Amino acid sequence: MADLHLPVTLPTVFADLPRRLDIEAATVDEAIDRLEERWPGLRDRLCEPGPALRRHVNVYVDRERAGLDTALRPDSRVDVISAISGG
């Protein structure tokens, strides 16, 4: 199972969502589907309709920038990072 790490902002919005979890998925998109099944509405926080990752959301698989179609191995580490803006 892939080792998925989420930004600190998501667990504050979704009850019982851990910051780190193991997830069985073949791609980043499928991993987001698995999250959506358990925490409805989470996909909308990460993806635009189309689907595409939101502009402020970056995903890295094994330290490489990834997209929704990026393949996951059972030993992959997936980091979801939200950009923070301010003035």
N, C-alpha and C. Protein backbone atom coordinates (compact mmCIF):
# COMPACT_ATOMS: atom_id res chain seq x y z
N MET A 1 0.83 -1.19 0.00
CA MET A 1 0.00 0.00 0.00
C MET A 1 0.87 1.24 0.00
N ALA A 2 0.44 2.25 -0.72
CA ALA A 2 1.17 3.52 -0.78
C ALA A 2 1.03 4.24 0.56
N ASP A 3 2.07 4.97 0.91
CA ASP A 3 2.13 5.76 2.15
C ASP A 3 1.73 7.19 1.80
N LEU A 4 0.51 7.60 2.17
CA LEU A 4 -0.06 8.89 1.78
C LEU A 4 0.03 9.88 2.93
N HIS A 5 0.55 11.06 2.63
CA HIS A 5 0.70 12.14 3.61
C HIS A 5 -0.11 13.34 3.14
N LEU A 6 -0.99 13.84 4.01
CA LEU A 6 -1.90 14.94 3.66
C LEU A 6 -1.50 16.23 4.39
N PRO A 7 -1.89 17.38 3.84
CA PRO A 7 -1.58 18.65 4.50
C PRO A 7 -2.39 18.81 5.79
N VAL A 8 -1.88 19.60 6.68
CA VAL A 8 -2.50 19.80 8.00
C VAL A 8 -3.90 20.41 7.89
N THR A 9 -4.20 21.10 6.80
CA THR A 9 -5.49 21.78 6.66
C THR A 9 -6.65 20.82 6.45
N LEU A 10 -6.43 19.67 5.83
CA LEU A 10 -7.55 18.76 5.53
C LEU A 10 -8.14 18.08 6.76
N PRO A 11 -7.35 17.56 7.69
CA PRO A 11 -7.97 16.92 8.86
C PRO A 11 -8.82 17.86 9.70
N THR A 12 -8.61 19.16 9.59
CA THR A 12 -9.45 20.09 10.35
C THR A 12 -10.84 20.22 9.73
N VAL A 13 -10.98 19.83 8.45
CA VAL A 13 -12.26 19.94 7.73
C VAL A 13 -13.02 18.61 7.73
N PHE A 14 -12.30 17.49 7.73
CA PHE A 14 -12.91 16.17 7.62
C PHE A 14 -12.66 15.37 8.90
N ALA A 15 -13.72 15.04 9.60
CA ALA A 15 -13.62 14.31 10.87
C ALA A 15 -12.93 12.97 10.66
N ASP A 16 -12.04 12.65 11.56
CA ASP A 16 -11.33 11.37 11.60
C ASP A 16 -10.37 11.15 10.43
N LEU A 17 -10.07 12.17 9.65
CA LEU A 17 -9.10 12.04 8.57
C LEU A 17 -7.70 12.17 9.15
N PRO A 18 -6.88 11.11 9.05
CA PRO A 18 -5.52 11.22 9.57
C PRO A 18 -4.63 11.98 8.60
N ARG A 19 -3.52 12.49 9.08
CA ARG A 19 -2.55 13.18 8.21
C ARG A 19 -1.76 12.17 7.39
N ARG A 20 -1.64 10.95 7.87
CA ARG A 20 -0.89 9.91 7.17
C ARG A 20 -1.71 8.64 7.19
N LEU A 21 -1.80 7.97 6.01
CA LEU A 21 -2.49 6.70 5.97
C LEU A 21 -1.94 5.85 4.84
N ASP A 22 -2.13 4.56 4.95
CA ASP A 22 -1.79 3.62 3.88
C ASP A 22 -3.01 3.49 2.99
N ILE A 23 -2.76 3.51 1.68
CA ILE A 23 -3.88 3.45 0.75
C ILE A 23 -3.52 2.55 -0.43
N GLU A 24 -4.48 1.73 -0.82
CA GLU A 24 -4.26 0.84 -1.95
C GLU A 24 -4.86 1.48 -3.19
N ALA A 25 -3.98 1.84 -4.13
CA ALA A 25 -4.40 2.49 -5.36
C ALA A 25 -3.32 2.34 -6.41
N ALA A 26 -3.73 2.32 -7.68
CA ALA A 26 -2.78 2.18 -8.78
C ALA A 26 -2.26 3.53 -9.29
N THR A 27 -3.05 4.60 -9.06
CA THR A 27 -2.67 5.94 -9.52
C THR A 27 -3.04 6.97 -8.44
N VAL A 28 -2.55 8.18 -8.61
CA VAL A 28 -2.92 9.27 -7.71
C VAL A 28 -4.43 9.50 -7.77
N ASP A 29 -5.00 9.48 -8.96
CA ASP A 29 -6.45 9.67 -9.11
C ASP A 29 -7.23 8.61 -8.34
N GLU A 30 -6.80 7.38 -8.43
CA GLU A 30 -7.47 6.30 -7.70
C GLU A 30 -7.32 6.48 -6.19
N ALA A 31 -6.18 6.96 -5.75
CA ALA A 31 -5.98 7.23 -4.32
C ALA A 31 -6.96 8.30 -3.84
N ILE A 32 -7.16 9.32 -4.66
CA ILE A 32 -8.13 10.37 -4.30
C ILE A 32 -9.54 9.79 -4.29
N ASP A 33 -9.84 8.88 -5.21
CA ASP A 33 -11.14 8.20 -5.20
C ASP A 33 -11.35 7.44 -3.89
N ARG A 34 -10.33 6.73 -3.43
CA ARG A 34 -10.43 5.97 -2.17
C ARG A 34 -10.69 6.93 -1.01
N LEU A 35 -10.03 8.09 -1.01
CA LEU A 35 -10.27 9.09 0.04
C LEU A 35 -11.70 9.61 -0.03
N GLU A 36 -12.17 9.87 -1.24
CA GLU A 36 -13.53 10.39 -1.44
C GLU A 36 -14.58 9.41 -0.96
N GLU A 37 -14.34 8.11 -1.13
CA GLU A 37 -15.28 7.10 -0.66
C GLU A 37 -15.49 7.19 0.85
N ARG A 38 -14.43 7.45 1.56
CA ARG A 38 -14.51 7.47 3.03
C ARG A 38 -14.82 8.87 3.57
N TRP A 39 -14.33 9.90 2.89
CA TRP A 39 -14.55 11.29 3.31
C TRP A 39 -15.14 12.08 2.14
N PRO A 40 -16.46 11.96 1.93
CA PRO A 40 -17.11 12.66 0.82
C PRO A 40 -16.81 14.16 0.84
N GLY A 41 -16.50 14.69 -0.34
CA GLY A 41 -16.18 16.10 -0.47
C GLY A 41 -14.69 16.37 -0.54
N LEU A 42 -13.88 15.39 -0.18
CA LEU A 42 -12.44 15.59 -0.18
C LEU A 42 -11.90 15.80 -1.59
N ARG A 43 -12.45 15.07 -2.56
CA ARG A 43 -11.99 15.24 -3.96
C ARG A 43 -12.16 16.69 -4.40
N ASP A 44 -13.25 17.33 -4.03
CA ASP A 44 -13.48 18.73 -4.42
C ASP A 44 -12.43 19.66 -3.83
N ARG A 45 -11.86 19.32 -2.71
CA ARG A 45 -10.81 20.13 -2.09
C ARG A 45 -9.48 20.00 -2.84
N LEU A 46 -9.29 18.85 -3.50
CA LEU A 46 -8.02 18.58 -4.17
C LEU A 46 -8.07 18.77 -5.68
N CYS A 47 -9.26 18.59 -6.28
CA CYS A 47 -9.37 18.57 -7.75
C CYS A 47 -10.39 19.57 -8.28
N GLU A 48 -10.10 20.07 -9.47
CA GLU A 48 -11.03 20.87 -10.25
C GLU A 48 -11.88 19.91 -11.07
N PRO A 49 -13.05 20.34 -11.53
CA PRO A 49 -13.79 19.50 -12.47
C PRO A 49 -12.95 19.28 -13.73
N GLY A 50 -13.05 18.14 -14.30
CA GLY A 50 -12.29 17.90 -15.53
C GLY A 50 -11.74 16.51 -15.66
N PRO A 51 -11.15 15.87 -14.76
CA PRO A 51 -10.61 16.39 -13.49
C PRO A 51 -9.15 16.83 -13.66
N ALA A 52 -8.74 17.71 -12.80
CA ALA A 52 -7.36 18.17 -12.72
C ALA A 52 -7.10 18.59 -11.28
N LEU A 53 -5.87 18.49 -10.85
CA LEU A 53 -5.52 18.97 -9.52
C LEU A 53 -5.74 20.47 -9.46
N ARG A 54 -6.21 20.96 -8.33
CA ARG A 54 -6.38 22.40 -8.16
C ARG A 54 -5.01 23.08 -8.25
N ARG A 55 -5.01 24.35 -8.66
CA ARG A 55 -3.76 25.09 -8.84
C ARG A 55 -2.92 25.14 -7.58
N HIS A 56 -3.54 25.22 -6.44
CA HIS A 56 -2.81 25.37 -5.18
C HIS A 56 -2.45 24.03 -4.54
N VAL A 57 -2.76 22.92 -5.20
CA VAL A 57 -2.45 21.59 -4.66
C VAL A 57 -1.33 20.97 -5.49
N ASN A 58 -0.28 20.56 -4.82
CA ASN A 58 0.83 19.87 -5.45
C ASN A 58 0.92 18.46 -4.88
N VAL A 59 1.15 17.49 -5.76
CA VAL A 59 1.30 16.11 -5.33
C VAL A 59 2.67 15.62 -5.79
N TYR A 60 3.35 14.95 -4.89
CA TYR A 60 4.65 14.36 -5.19
C TYR A 60 4.57 12.86 -4.88
N VAL A 61 5.08 12.07 -5.81
CA VAL A 61 5.19 10.63 -5.60
C VAL A 61 6.67 10.30 -5.61
N ASP A 62 7.13 9.78 -4.49
CA ASP A 62 8.55 9.45 -4.34
C ASP A 62 9.43 10.64 -4.71
N ARG A 63 9.03 11.82 -4.21
CA ARG A 63 9.76 13.08 -4.35
C ARG A 63 9.76 13.68 -5.76
N GLU A 64 8.94 13.13 -6.64
CA GLU A 64 8.81 13.66 -8.00
C GLU A 64 7.42 14.26 -8.16
N ARG A 65 7.35 15.43 -8.81
CA ARG A 65 6.05 16.07 -9.05
C ARG A 65 5.15 15.11 -9.82
N ALA A 66 3.91 15.01 -9.41
CA ALA A 66 3.00 14.02 -9.97
C ALA A 66 1.69 14.66 -10.41
N GLY A 67 0.99 13.95 -11.27
CA GLY A 67 -0.34 14.33 -11.72
C GLY A 67 -1.32 13.23 -11.36
N LEU A 68 -2.56 13.40 -11.74
CA LEU A 68 -3.58 12.41 -11.42
C LEU A 68 -3.28 11.05 -12.04
N ASP A 69 -2.62 11.03 -13.19
CA ASP A 69 -2.35 9.77 -13.86
C ASP A 69 -1.05 9.10 -13.43
N THR A 70 -0.34 9.68 -12.49
CA THR A 70 0.92 9.10 -12.03
C THR A 70 0.67 7.77 -11.33
N ALA A 71 1.43 6.77 -11.74
CA ALA A 71 1.30 5.42 -11.17
C ALA A 71 1.89 5.36 -9.77
N LEU A 72 1.27 4.52 -8.94
CA LEU A 72 1.75 4.27 -7.59
C LEU A 72 2.19 2.82 -7.46
N ARG A 73 3.29 2.61 -6.77
CA ARG A 73 3.74 1.27 -6.42
C ARG A 73 3.32 1.01 -4.98
N PRO A 74 3.32 -0.24 -4.55
CA PRO A 74 2.95 -0.52 -3.16
C PRO A 74 3.86 0.18 -2.14
N ASP A 75 5.10 0.48 -2.54
CA ASP A 75 6.03 1.13 -1.60
C ASP A 75 6.18 2.63 -1.86
N SER A 76 5.29 3.22 -2.67
CA SER A 76 5.37 4.65 -2.99
C SER A 76 5.01 5.51 -1.78
N ARG A 77 5.67 6.66 -1.71
CA ARG A 77 5.28 7.69 -0.74
C ARG A 77 4.63 8.81 -1.55
N VAL A 78 3.42 9.20 -1.12
CA VAL A 78 2.65 10.25 -1.80
C VAL A 78 2.50 11.41 -0.82
N ASP A 79 2.97 12.58 -1.23
CA ASP A 79 2.83 13.79 -0.42
C ASP A 79 1.90 14.76 -1.12
N VAL A 80 0.84 15.17 -0.44
CA VAL A 80 -0.08 16.18 -0.95
C VAL A 80 0.24 17.46 -0.19
N ILE A 81 0.57 18.49 -0.95
CA ILE A 81 1.00 19.75 -0.34
C ILE A 81 0.12 20.88 -0.85
N SER A 82 -0.44 21.65 0.08
CA SER A 82 -1.26 22.81 -0.30
C SER A 82 -0.39 24.05 -0.22
N ALA A 83 -0.45 24.84 -1.29
CA ALA A 83 0.26 26.11 -1.28
C ALA A 83 -0.42 27.06 -0.30
N ILE A 84 0.37 27.87 0.34
CA ILE A 84 -0.17 28.86 1.28
C ILE A 84 0.11 30.22 0.69
N SER A 85 -0.92 31.05 0.63
CA SER A 85 -0.73 32.39 0.10
C SER A 85 -1.00 33.41 1.19
N GLY A 86 -0.49 34.53 1.00
CA GLY A 86 -0.70 35.58 1.98
C GLY A 86 -0.11 36.89 1.46
N GLY A 87 -0.21 37.90 2.26
CA GLY A 87 0.29 39.18 1.77
C GLY A 87 1.10 39.88 2.77
